[in-house]
ModelCIF file with pLDDT and N, C-alpha, C, O atoms, coordinates in Angstrom:
data_MODEL
#
_entry.id   MODEL 
#
_entity.id                         1 
_entity.type                       polymer 
_entity.pdbx_number_of_molecules   1 
#
_entity_poly.entity_id                      1 
_entity_poly.type                           'polypeptide(L)' 
_entity_poly.nstd_linkage                   no 
_entity_poly.nstd_monomer                   no 
_entity_poly.pdbx_seq_one_letter_code       LTGGTQEGYINLVTPRFPAPSSAPLGTMAMTFHLLP 
_entity_poly.pdbx_seq_one_letter_code_can   LTGGTQEGYINLVTPRFPAPSSAPLGTMAMTFHLLP 
_entity_poly.pdbx_strand_id                 A 
#
loop_
_entity_poly_seq.entity_id 
_entity_poly_seq.num 
_entity_poly_seq.mon_id 
_entity_poly_seq.hetero 
1 1  LEU n 
1 2  THR n 
1 3  GLY n 
1 4  GLY n 
1 5  THR n 
1 6  GLN n 
1 7  GLU n 
1 8  GLY n 
1 9  TYR n 
1 10 ILE n 
1 11 ASN n 
1 12 LEU n 
1 13 VAL n 
1 14 THR n 
1 15 PRO n 
1 16 ARG n 
1 17 PHE n 
1 18 PRO n 
1 19 ALA n 
1 20 PRO n 
1 21 SER n 
1 22 SER n 
1 23 ALA n 
1 24 PRO n 
1 25 LEU n 
1 26 GLY n 
1 27 THR n 
1 28 MET n 
1 29 ALA n 
1 30 MET n 
1 31 THR n 
1 32 PHE n 
1 33 HIS n 
1 34 LEU n 
1 35 LEU n 
1 36 PRO n 
#
_struct_asym.id          A 
_struct_asym.entity_id   1 
#
loop_
_ma_qa_metric.id 
_ma_qa_metric.mode 
_ma_qa_metric.name 
_ma_qa_metric.software_group_id 
_ma_qa_metric.type 
1 global pLDDT . pLDDT 
2 local  pLDDT . pLDDT 
#
_ma_qa_metric_global.metric_id      1 
_ma_qa_metric_global.metric_value   55.06 
_ma_qa_metric_global.model_id       1 
_ma_qa_metric_global.ordinal_id     1 
#
loop_
_ma_qa_metric_local.label_asym_id 
_ma_qa_metric_local.label_comp_id 
_ma_qa_metric_local.label_seq_id 
_ma_qa_metric_local.metric_id 
_ma_qa_metric_local.metric_value 
_ma_qa_metric_local.model_id 
_ma_qa_metric_local.ordinal_id 
A LEU 1  2 97.00 1 1  
A THR 2  2 96.00 1 2  
A GLY 3  2 96.00 1 3  
A GLY 4  2 97.00 1 4  
A THR 5  2 96.00 1 5  
A GLN 6  2 93.00 1 6  
A GLU 7  2 80.00 1 7  
A GLY 8  2 65.00 1 8  
A TYR 9  2 54.00 1 9  
A ILE 10 2 43.00 1 10 
A ASN 11 2 39.00 1 11 
A LEU 12 2 42.00 1 12 
A VAL 13 2 39.00 1 13 
A THR 14 2 45.00 1 14 
A PRO 15 2 46.00 1 15 
A ARG 16 2 47.00 1 16 
A PHE 17 2 43.00 1 17 
A PRO 18 2 46.00 1 18 
A ALA 19 2 45.00 1 19 
A PRO 20 2 47.00 1 20 
A SER 21 2 45.00 1 21 
A SER 22 2 43.00 1 22 
A ALA 23 2 44.00 1 23 
A PRO 24 2 47.00 1 24 
A LEU 25 2 47.00 1 25 
A GLY 26 2 50.00 1 26 
A THR 27 2 45.00 1 27 
A MET 28 2 44.00 1 28 
A ALA 29 2 45.00 1 29 
A MET 30 2 45.00 1 30 
A THR 31 2 42.00 1 31 
A PHE 32 2 42.00 1 32 
A HIS 33 2 47.00 1 33 
A LEU 34 2 46.00 1 34 
A LEU 35 2 46.00 1 35 
A PRO 36 2 48.00 1 36 
#
loop_
_atom_site.group_PDB 
_atom_site.id 
_atom_site.type_symbol 
_atom_site.label_atom_id 
_atom_site.label_alt_id 
_atom_site.label_comp_id 
_atom_site.label_asym_id 
_atom_site.label_entity_id 
_atom_site.label_seq_id 
_atom_site.pdbx_PDB_ins_code 
_atom_site.Cartn_x 
_atom_site.Cartn_y 
_atom_site.Cartn_z 
_atom_site.occupancy 
_atom_site.B_iso_or_equiv 
_atom_site.pdbx_formal_charge 
_atom_site.auth_seq_id 
_atom_site.auth_comp_id 
_atom_site.auth_asym_id 
_atom_site.auth_atom_id 
_atom_site.pdbx_PDB_model_num 
ATOM 1   N N  . LEU A 1 1  ? 145.806 111.377 109.659 1.00 97.00 ? 1  LEU A N  1 
ATOM 2   C CA . LEU A 1 1  ? 144.615 111.732 108.887 1.00 97.00 ? 1  LEU A CA 1 
ATOM 3   C C  . LEU A 1 1  ? 144.079 110.509 108.146 1.00 97.00 ? 1  LEU A C  1 
ATOM 4   O O  . LEU A 1 1  ? 144.843 109.785 107.507 1.00 97.00 ? 1  LEU A O  1 
ATOM 5   N N  . THR A 1 2  ? 142.783 110.279 108.230 1.00 96.00 ? 2  THR A N  1 
ATOM 6   C CA . THR A 1 2  ? 142.150 109.163 107.529 1.00 96.00 ? 2  THR A CA 1 
ATOM 7   C C  . THR A 1 2  ? 140.922 109.661 106.785 1.00 96.00 ? 2  THR A C  1 
ATOM 8   O O  . THR A 1 2  ? 140.393 110.737 107.067 1.00 96.00 ? 2  THR A O  1 
ATOM 9   N N  . GLY A 1 3  ? 140.482 108.852 105.826 1.00 96.00 ? 3  GLY A N  1 
ATOM 10  C CA . GLY A 1 3  ? 139.286 109.215 105.071 1.00 96.00 ? 3  GLY A CA 1 
ATOM 11  C C  . GLY A 1 3  ? 139.571 109.657 103.653 1.00 96.00 ? 3  GLY A C  1 
ATOM 12  O O  . GLY A 1 3  ? 138.659 110.062 102.932 1.00 96.00 ? 3  GLY A O  1 
ATOM 13  N N  . GLY A 1 4  ? 140.841 109.583 103.238 1.00 97.00 ? 4  GLY A N  1 
ATOM 14  C CA . GLY A 1 4  ? 141.205 109.949 101.877 1.00 97.00 ? 4  GLY A CA 1 
ATOM 15  C C  . GLY A 1 4  ? 140.820 108.865 100.887 1.00 97.00 ? 4  GLY A C  1 
ATOM 16  O O  . GLY A 1 4  ? 140.310 107.812 101.270 1.00 97.00 ? 4  GLY A O  1 
ATOM 17  N N  . THR A 1 5  ? 141.067 109.130 99.610  1.00 96.00 ? 5  THR A N  1 
ATOM 18  C CA . THR A 1 5  ? 140.733 108.188 98.549  1.00 96.00 ? 5  THR A CA 1 
ATOM 19  C C  . THR A 1 5  ? 141.748 107.045 98.506  1.00 96.00 ? 5  THR A C  1 
ATOM 20  O O  . THR A 1 5  ? 142.957 107.271 98.453  1.00 96.00 ? 5  THR A O  1 
ATOM 21  N N  . GLN A 1 6  ? 141.237 105.828 98.532  1.00 93.00 ? 6  GLN A N  1 
ATOM 22  C CA . GLN A 1 6  ? 142.102 104.656 98.442  1.00 93.00 ? 6  GLN A CA 1 
ATOM 23  C C  . GLN A 1 6  ? 142.438 104.389 96.981  1.00 93.00 ? 6  GLN A C  1 
ATOM 24  O O  . GLN A 1 6  ? 141.562 104.443 96.118  1.00 93.00 ? 6  GLN A O  1 
ATOM 25  N N  . GLU A 1 7  ? 143.687 104.105 96.707  1.00 80.00 ? 7  GLU A N  1 
ATOM 26  C CA . GLU A 1 7  ? 144.111 103.831 95.335  1.00 80.00 ? 7  GLU A CA 1 
ATOM 27  C C  . GLU A 1 7  ? 143.808 102.378 94.967  1.00 80.00 ? 7  GLU A C  1 
ATOM 28  O O  . GLU A 1 7  ? 143.785 101.501 95.831  1.00 80.00 ? 7  GLU A O  1 
ATOM 29  N N  . GLY A 1 8  ? 143.573 102.133 93.665  1.00 65.00 ? 8  GLY A N  1 
ATOM 30  C CA . GLY A 1 8  ? 143.315 100.791 93.188  1.00 65.00 ? 8  GLY A CA 1 
ATOM 31  C C  . GLY A 1 8  ? 141.851 100.479 92.985  1.00 65.00 ? 8  GLY A C  1 
ATOM 32  O O  . GLY A 1 8  ? 141.503 99.404  92.497  1.00 65.00 ? 8  GLY A O  1 
ATOM 33  N N  . TYR A 1 9  ? 140.982 101.418 93.357  1.00 54.00 ? 9  TYR A N  1 
ATOM 34  C CA . TYR A 1 9  ? 139.556 101.201 93.141  1.00 54.00 ? 9  TYR A CA 1 
ATOM 35  C C  . TYR A 1 9  ? 139.203 101.490 91.686  1.00 54.00 ? 9  TYR A C  1 
ATOM 36  O O  . TYR A 1 9  ? 139.783 102.375 91.056  1.00 54.00 ? 9  TYR A O  1 
ATOM 37  N N  . ILE A 1 10 ? 138.239 100.726 91.162  1.00 43.00 ? 10 ILE A N  1 
ATOM 38  C CA . ILE A 1 10 ? 137.798 100.908 89.781  1.00 43.00 ? 10 ILE A CA 1 
ATOM 39  C C  . ILE A 1 10 ? 136.469 101.635 89.778  1.00 43.00 ? 10 ILE A C  1 
ATOM 40  O O  . ILE A 1 10 ? 135.515 101.203 90.426  1.00 43.00 ? 10 ILE A O  1 
ATOM 41  N N  . ASN A 1 11 ? 136.405 102.724 89.059  1.00 39.00 ? 11 ASN A N  1 
ATOM 42  C CA . ASN A 1 11 ? 135.151 103.450 88.925  1.00 39.00 ? 11 ASN A CA 1 
ATOM 43  C C  . ASN A 1 11 ? 134.342 102.849 87.781  1.00 39.00 ? 11 ASN A C  1 
ATOM 44  O O  . ASN A 1 11 ? 134.782 102.865 86.631  1.00 39.00 ? 11 ASN A O  1 
ATOM 45  N N  . LEU A 1 12 ? 133.169 102.322 88.092  1.00 42.00 ? 12 LEU A N  1 
ATOM 46  C CA . LEU A 1 12 ? 132.311 101.739 87.076  1.00 42.00 ? 12 LEU A CA 1 
ATOM 47  C C  . LEU A 1 12 ? 131.453 102.830 86.461  1.00 42.00 ? 12 LEU A C  1 
ATOM 48  O O  . LEU A 1 12 ? 130.776 103.581 87.164  1.00 42.00 ? 12 LEU A O  1 
ATOM 49  N N  . VAL A 1 13 ? 131.491 102.905 85.152  1.00 39.00 ? 13 VAL A N  1 
ATOM 50  C CA . VAL A 1 13 ? 130.714 103.905 84.433  1.00 39.00 ? 13 VAL A CA 1 
ATOM 51  C C  . VAL A 1 13 ? 129.507 103.235 83.818  1.00 39.00 ? 13 VAL A C  1 
ATOM 52  O O  . VAL A 1 13 ? 129.647 102.297 83.033  1.00 39.00 ? 13 VAL A O  1 
ATOM 53  N N  . THR A 1 14 ? 128.328 103.703 84.162  1.00 45.00 ? 14 THR A N  1 
ATOM 54  C CA . THR A 1 14 ? 127.094 103.133 83.613  1.00 45.00 ? 14 THR A CA 1 
ATOM 55  C C  . THR A 1 14 ? 126.970 103.491 82.142  1.00 45.00 ? 14 THR A C  1 
ATOM 56  O O  . THR A 1 14 ? 127.014 104.670 81.791  1.00 45.00 ? 14 THR A O  1 
ATOM 57  N N  . PRO A 1 15 ? 126.812 102.467 81.249  1.00 46.00 ? 15 PRO A N  1 
ATOM 58  C CA . PRO A 1 15 ? 126.719 102.779 79.810  1.00 46.00 ? 15 PRO A CA 1 
ATOM 59  C C  . PRO A 1 15 ? 125.472 103.579 79.507  1.00 46.00 ? 15 PRO A C  1 
ATOM 60  O O  . PRO A 1 15 ? 124.428 103.395 80.132  1.00 46.00 ? 15 PRO A O  1 
ATOM 61  N N  . ARG A 1 16 ? 125.594 104.459 78.551  1.00 47.00 ? 16 ARG A N  1 
ATOM 62  C CA . ARG A 1 16 ? 124.471 105.277 78.135  1.00 47.00 ? 16 ARG A CA 1 
ATOM 63  C C  . ARG A 1 16 ? 123.868 104.706 76.862  1.00 47.00 ? 16 ARG A C  1 
ATOM 64  O O  . ARG A 1 16 ? 124.565 104.530 75.862  1.00 47.00 ? 16 ARG A O  1 
ATOM 65  N N  . PHE A 1 17 ? 122.582 104.419 76.899  1.00 43.00 ? 17 PHE A N  1 
ATOM 66  C CA . PHE A 1 17 ? 121.902 103.896 75.731  1.00 43.00 ? 17 PHE A CA 1 
ATOM 67  C C  . PHE A 1 17 ? 121.264 105.037 74.966  1.00 43.00 ? 17 PHE A C  1 
ATOM 68  O O  . PHE A 1 17 ? 120.927 106.066 75.550  1.00 43.00 ? 17 PHE A O  1 
ATOM 69  N N  . PRO A 1 18 ? 121.091 104.859 73.625  1.00 46.00 ? 18 PRO A N  1 
ATOM 70  C CA . PRO A 1 18 ? 120.460 105.925 72.845  1.00 46.00 ? 18 PRO A CA 1 
ATOM 71  C C  . PRO A 1 18 ? 119.074 106.224 73.381  1.00 46.00 ? 18 PRO A C  1 
ATOM 72  O O  . PRO A 1 18 ? 118.317 105.324 73.743  1.00 46.00 ? 18 PRO A O  1 
ATOM 73  N N  . ALA A 1 19 ? 118.764 107.502 73.422  1.00 45.00 ? 19 ALA A N  1 
ATOM 74  C CA . ALA A 1 19 ? 117.449 107.907 73.909  1.00 45.00 ? 19 ALA A CA 1 
ATOM 75  C C  . ALA A 1 19 ? 116.387 107.471 72.919  1.00 45.00 ? 19 ALA A C  1 
ATOM 76  O O  . ALA A 1 19 ? 116.615 107.495 71.710  1.00 45.00 ? 19 ALA A O  1 
ATOM 77  N N  . PRO A 1 20 ? 115.216 107.069 73.429  1.00 47.00 ? 20 PRO A N  1 
ATOM 78  C CA . PRO A 1 20 ? 114.134 106.669 72.522  1.00 47.00 ? 20 PRO A CA 1 
ATOM 79  C C  . PRO A 1 20 ? 113.697 107.832 71.670  1.00 47.00 ? 20 PRO A C  1 
ATOM 80  O O  . PRO A 1 20 ? 113.831 108.995 72.052  1.00 47.00 ? 20 PRO A O  1 
ATOM 81  N N  . SER A 1 21 ? 113.167 107.497 70.500  1.00 45.00 ? 21 SER A N  1 
ATOM 82  C CA . SER A 1 21 ? 112.728 108.534 69.578  1.00 45.00 ? 21 SER A CA 1 
ATOM 83  C C  . SER A 1 21 ? 111.677 109.408 70.224  1.00 45.00 ? 21 SER A C  1 
ATOM 84  O O  . SER A 1 21 ? 110.824 108.933 70.974  1.00 45.00 ? 21 SER A O  1 
ATOM 85  N N  . SER A 1 22 ? 111.750 110.687 69.921  1.00 43.00 ? 22 SER A N  1 
ATOM 86  C CA . SER A 1 22 ? 110.779 111.622 70.472  1.00 43.00 ? 22 SER A CA 1 
ATOM 87  C C  . SER A 1 22 ? 109.492 111.653 69.653  1.00 43.00 ? 22 SER A C  1 
ATOM 88  O O  . SER A 1 22 ? 108.578 112.409 69.983  1.00 43.00 ? 22 SER A O  1 
ATOM 89  N N  . ALA A 1 23 ? 109.397 110.834 68.575  1.00 44.00 ? 23 ALA A N  1 
ATOM 90  C CA . ALA A 1 23 ? 108.192 110.810 67.749  1.00 44.00 ? 23 ALA A CA 1 
ATOM 91  C C  . ALA A 1 23 ? 107.022 110.269 68.548  1.00 44.00 ? 23 ALA A C  1 
ATOM 92  O O  . ALA A 1 23 ? 107.205 109.354 69.350  1.00 44.00 ? 23 ALA A O  1 
ATOM 93  N N  . PRO A 1 24 ? 105.847 110.796 68.357  1.00 47.00 ? 24 PRO A N  1 
ATOM 94  C CA . PRO A 1 24 ? 104.660 110.296 69.072  1.00 47.00 ? 24 PRO A CA 1 
ATOM 95  C C  . PRO A 1 24 ? 104.459 108.817 68.799  1.00 47.00 ? 24 PRO A C  1 
ATOM 96  O O  . PRO A 1 24 ? 104.744 108.329 67.705  1.00 47.00 ? 24 PRO A O  1 
ATOM 97  N N  . LEU A 1 25 ? 103.953 108.091 69.831  1.00 47.00 ? 25 LEU A N  1 
ATOM 98  C CA . LEU A 1 25 ? 103.753 106.650 69.688  1.00 47.00 ? 25 LEU A CA 1 
ATOM 99  C C  . LEU A 1 25 ? 102.754 106.337 68.589  1.00 47.00 ? 25 LEU A C  1 
ATOM 100 O O  . LEU A 1 25 ? 102.897 105.333 67.891  1.00 47.00 ? 25 LEU A O  1 
ATOM 101 N N  . GLY A 1 26 ? 101.756 107.170 68.428  1.00 50.00 ? 26 GLY A N  1 
ATOM 102 C CA . GLY A 1 26 ? 100.753 106.924 67.381  1.00 50.00 ? 26 GLY A CA 1 
ATOM 103 C C  . GLY A 1 26 ? 101.367 106.959 66.010  1.00 50.00 ? 26 GLY A C  1 
ATOM 104 O O  . GLY A 1 26 ? 101.056 106.122 65.163  1.00 50.00 ? 26 GLY A O  1 
ATOM 105 N N  . THR A 1 27 ? 102.254 107.939 65.778  1.00 45.00 ? 27 THR A N  1 
ATOM 106 C CA . THR A 1 27 ? 102.920 108.062 64.477  1.00 45.00 ? 27 THR A CA 1 
ATOM 107 C C  . THR A 1 27 ? 103.786 106.849 64.196  1.00 45.00 ? 27 THR A C  1 
ATOM 108 O O  . THR A 1 27 ? 103.797 106.334 63.078  1.00 45.00 ? 27 THR A O  1 
ATOM 109 N N  . MET A 1 28 ? 104.539 106.372 65.245  1.00 44.00 ? 28 MET A N  1 
ATOM 110 C CA . MET A 1 28 ? 105.397 105.205 65.073  1.00 44.00 ? 28 MET A CA 1 
ATOM 111 C C  . MET A 1 28 ? 104.570 103.959 64.776  1.00 44.00 ? 28 MET A C  1 
ATOM 112 O O  . MET A 1 28 ? 104.945 103.143 63.933  1.00 44.00 ? 28 MET A O  1 
ATOM 113 N N  . ALA A 1 29 ? 103.434 103.815 65.479  1.00 45.00 ? 29 ALA A N  1 
ATOM 114 C CA . ALA A 1 29 ? 102.584 102.643 65.247  1.00 45.00 ? 29 ALA A CA 1 
ATOM 115 C C  . ALA A 1 29 ? 102.031 102.635 63.833  1.00 45.00 ? 29 ALA A C  1 
ATOM 116 O O  . ALA A 1 29 ? 101.981 101.585 63.192  1.00 45.00 ? 29 ALA A O  1 
ATOM 117 N N  . MET A 1 30 ? 101.619 103.785 63.344  1.00 45.00 ? 30 MET A N  1 
ATOM 118 C CA . MET A 1 30 ? 101.084 103.887 61.979  1.00 45.00 ? 30 MET A CA 1 
ATOM 119 C C  . MET A 1 30 ? 102.139 103.535 60.953  1.00 45.00 ? 30 MET A C  1 
ATOM 120 O O  . MET A 1 30 ? 101.848 102.899 59.940  1.00 45.00 ? 30 MET A O  1 
ATOM 121 N N  . THR A 1 31 ? 103.400 103.962 61.224  1.00 42.00 ? 31 THR A N  1 
ATOM 122 C CA . THR A 1 31 ? 104.493 103.673 60.290  1.00 42.00 ? 31 THR A CA 1 
ATOM 123 C C  . THR A 1 31 ? 104.714 102.168 60.180  1.00 42.00 ? 31 THR A C  1 
ATOM 124 O O  . THR A 1 31 ? 104.846 101.638 59.076  1.00 42.00 ? 31 THR A O  1 
ATOM 125 N N  . PHE A 1 32 ? 104.757 101.462 61.344  1.00 42.00 ? 32 PHE A N  1 
ATOM 126 C CA . PHE A 1 32 ? 104.957 100.018 61.322  1.00 42.00 ? 32 PHE A CA 1 
ATOM 127 C C  . PHE A 1 32 ? 103.773 99.300  60.678  1.00 42.00 ? 32 PHE A C  1 
ATOM 128 O O  . PHE A 1 32 ? 103.951 98.273  60.024  1.00 42.00 ? 32 PHE A O  1 
ATOM 129 N N  . HIS A 1 33 ? 102.567 99.836  60.861  1.00 47.00 ? 33 HIS A N  1 
ATOM 130 C CA . HIS A 1 33 ? 101.369 99.218  60.276  1.00 47.00 ? 33 HIS A CA 1 
ATOM 131 C C  . HIS A 1 33 ? 101.387 99.278  58.755  1.00 47.00 ? 33 HIS A C  1 
ATOM 132 O O  . HIS A 1 33 ? 100.961 98.331  58.093  1.00 47.00 ? 33 HIS A O  1 
ATOM 133 N N  . LEU A 1 34 ? 101.870 100.370 58.199  1.00 46.00 ? 34 LEU A N  1 
ATOM 134 C CA . LEU A 1 34 ? 101.890 100.562 56.749  1.00 46.00 ? 34 LEU A CA 1 
ATOM 135 C C  . LEU A 1 34 ? 103.112 99.965  56.075  1.00 46.00 ? 34 LEU A C  1 
ATOM 136 O O  . LEU A 1 34 ? 103.154 99.867  54.848  1.00 46.00 ? 34 LEU A O  1 
ATOM 137 N N  . LEU A 1 35 ? 104.096 99.567  56.849  1.00 46.00 ? 35 LEU A N  1 
ATOM 138 C CA . LEU A 1 35 ? 105.361 99.114  56.275  1.00 46.00 ? 35 LEU A CA 1 
ATOM 139 C C  . LEU A 1 35 ? 105.190 97.913  55.328  1.00 46.00 ? 35 LEU A C  1 
ATOM 140 O O  . LEU A 1 35 ? 105.756 97.945  54.236  1.00 46.00 ? 35 LEU A O  1 
ATOM 141 N N  . PRO A 1 36 ? 104.447 96.868  55.681  1.00 48.00 ? 36 PRO A N  1 
ATOM 142 C CA . PRO A 1 36 ? 104.300 95.738  54.730  1.00 48.00 ? 36 PRO A CA 1 
ATOM 143 C C  . PRO A 1 36 ? 103.690 96.169  53.403  1.00 48.00 ? 36 PRO A C  1 
ATOM 144 O O  . PRO A 1 36 ? 103.505 95.341  52.511  1.00 48.00 ? 36 PRO A O  1 
#
């Protein structure tokens, strides 16, 4: 029988980045504009 899982292989896990804020882009732009 062939086709089984070979031992010694490394499973690479793709890192998960934080999801972007769900706030509307207009609201975020206004916040940065008023910050100074």
